[in-house]
Protein backbone atom coordinates (compact mmCIF):
# COMPACT_ATOMS: atom_id res chain seq x y z
CA MET A 1 -3.55 -25.88 7.41
CA THR A 2 -2.06 -25.96 4.07
CA ALA A 3 -0.57 -22.34 2.53
CA ALA A 4 -2.37 -20.53 0.28
CA ALA A 5 -2.58 -17.66 -1.48
CA CYS A 6 -5.43 -15.09 -0.45
CA PHE A 7 -6.03 -11.49 -1.42
CA VAL A 8 -6.20 -9.02 1.20
CA ASP A 9 -8.28 -6.12 1.58
CA ALA A 10 -7.51 -2.84 3.25
CA GLY A 11 -9.90 -3.32 6.04
CA ALA A 12 -8.13 -6.39 7.09
CA LEU A 13 -4.75 -4.76 6.65
CA LEU A 14 -5.88 -1.91 8.68
CA ALA A 15 -6.69 -4.13 11.83
CA HIS A 16 -3.58 -5.86 11.44
CA VAL A 17 -1.29 -2.71 11.59
CA SER A 18 -3.73 -0.74 13.81
CA GLY A 19 -5.92 -3.33 15.98
CA THR A 20 -8.99 -1.91 14.74
CA PRO A 21 -11.67 -3.06 13.61
CA VAL A 22 -11.57 -5.62 16.51
CA ASP A 23 -13.41 -8.20 14.65
CA ALA A 24 -10.75 -8.13 11.54
CA ARG A 25 -7.73 -7.76 14.30
CA GLY A 26 -6.24 -11.62 13.81
CA LEU A 27 -7.30 -12.30 9.72
CA VAL A 28 -3.68 -11.47 8.52
CA ALA A 29 -1.97 -12.65 11.55
CA ASP A 30 -3.78 -15.93 11.28
CA ALA A 31 -2.95 -16.11 7.52
CA LEU A 32 0.51 -15.10 7.75
CA ALA A 33 1.07 -17.58 10.95
CA ASP A 34 -0.34 -20.39 8.15
CA GLY A 35 2.24 -19.60 5.76
CA ASP A 36 -0.06 -17.83 3.40
CA VAL A 37 1.12 -15.84 0.97
CA LEU A 38 -1.00 -12.09 0.91
CA LEU A 39 -1.86 -10.47 -2.46
CA VAL A 40 -2.06 -7.17 -2.17
CA THR A 41 -3.38 -4.84 -5.26
CA ASP A 42 -2.17 -1.38 -6.08
CA LEU A 43 -5.85 -0.15 -5.03
CA VAL A 44 -5.81 -1.82 -1.41
CA VAL A 45 -2.18 -0.06 -0.90
CA ALA A 46 -3.96 3.35 -2.01
CA GLU A 47 -6.79 2.70 0.35
CA LEU A 48 -4.74 1.78 3.30
CA ILE A 49 -2.81 4.94 3.09
CA GLU A 50 -5.86 7.25 2.75
CA VAL A 51 -7.42 5.43 5.55
CA LEU A 52 -4.30 5.62 7.79
CA GLU A 53 -4.00 9.43 6.90
CA ARG A 54 -7.76 10.56 7.10
CA ASP A 55 -9.00 8.24 9.99
CA PHE A 56 -5.48 7.51 12.46
CA ALA A 57 -4.21 11.31 11.29
CA VAL A 58 -0.65 9.79 11.43
CA ASP A 59 1.98 11.27 9.17
CA ARG A 60 3.66 10.35 6.18
CA HIS A 61 6.73 9.22 7.84
CA PHE A 62 4.73 6.49 9.53
CA VAL A 63 2.45 5.66 6.66
CA THR A 64 5.50 5.23 4.57
CA THR A 65 7.11 2.58 7.32
CA VAL A 66 4.30 1.01 7.55
CA VAL A 67 3.49 0.04 3.99
CA ARG A 68 7.43 -0.33 2.98
CA SER A 69 7.53 -2.92 5.61
CA LEU A 70 4.41 -4.87 4.21
CA LEU A 71 5.34 -4.39 0.92
CA THR A 72 9.15 -5.73 1.27
CA SER A 73 7.85 -8.65 3.46
CA ARG A 74 8.35 -12.15 1.96
CA HIS A 75 4.49 -13.04 2.61
CA VAL A 76 3.27 -10.36 0.44
CA VAL A 77 2.91 -9.92 -3.24
CA SER A 78 1.79 -7.46 -5.57
CA VAL A 79 1.63 -7.15 -9.18
CA ASP A 80 4.35 -4.32 -9.55
CA THR A 81 6.16 -4.06 -6.28
CA ASP A 82 8.49 -1.90 -7.41
CA VAL A 83 6.29 0.72 -8.85
CA LEU A 84 4.25 0.70 -5.55
CA LEU A 85 7.76 1.22 -3.96
CA HIS A 86 8.46 4.09 -6.03
CA ALA A 87 5.17 5.65 -5.82
CA LEU A 88 5.52 5.57 -1.84
CA ALA A 89 9.09 7.39 -2.10
CA LEU A 90 7.65 9.90 -4.34
CA TYR A 91 4.53 10.24 -1.77
CA GLU A 92 6.74 10.55 1.01
CA LEU A 93 9.42 12.67 -0.42
CA ASP A 94 7.79 14.82 -3.20
CA GLY A 95 4.53 15.62 -0.81
CA LEU A 96 2.20 14.03 -3.56
CA ARG A 97 -0.90 12.28 -2.49
CA PHE A 98 -0.17 8.72 -2.92
CA ARG A 99 -2.92 8.45 -5.83
CA ASP A 100 -0.98 11.06 -7.73
CA ALA A 101 2.80 9.49 -6.90
CA HIS A 102 0.96 5.97 -8.05
CA LEU A 103 0.25 7.90 -11.41
CA VAL A 104 3.59 9.26 -12.01
CA ALA A 105 5.63 6.24 -10.82
CA VAL A 106 3.13 4.16 -13.53
CA ALA A 107 4.16 6.58 -16.14
CA GLU A 108 7.77 6.46 -15.22
CA SER A 109 7.74 2.75 -15.55
CA THR A 110 6.30 2.46 -18.67
CA GLY A 111 7.39 5.97 -20.72
CA VAL A 112 4.58 7.28 -21.18
CA ARG A 113 3.51 10.82 -20.59
CA VAL A 114 0.79 11.99 -18.02
CA LEU A 115 -1.98 14.22 -18.88
CA SER A 116 -2.98 15.91 -15.72
CA GLY A 117 -4.56 19.26 -14.38
CA SER A 118 -1.93 18.83 -11.55
CA ARG A 119 1.27 20.75 -11.75
CA ALA A 120 2.63 18.22 -9.24
CA VAL A 121 1.96 15.58 -11.51
CA GLN A 122 3.46 16.94 -14.55
CA ARG A 123 7.23 15.96 -14.81
């Protein structure tokens, strides 16, 4: 099969890292075996983190390790990997929810201030 680029959703990534759901388990592995490039959106990363926390009750360090490994893989591309990695660091080290950490990371990368009712997000 010829290598291609394909968008991957949070369900396929979750199946890849957790083995569930069983029917989606091999999707990412098969794509990687074919040499495909996986295109990952910011929203997919946020959803993956939320599901890992909520449904699998894993700690931030584990989540961060898994997602950082994904984002730094040569087979994975996102629109702005640096922003996602910075958001991941804020999530892990500052204890922000990932969606808040992402907002802060985008704001910091653009130099635009954030208006938020959350003190954790105000910087």
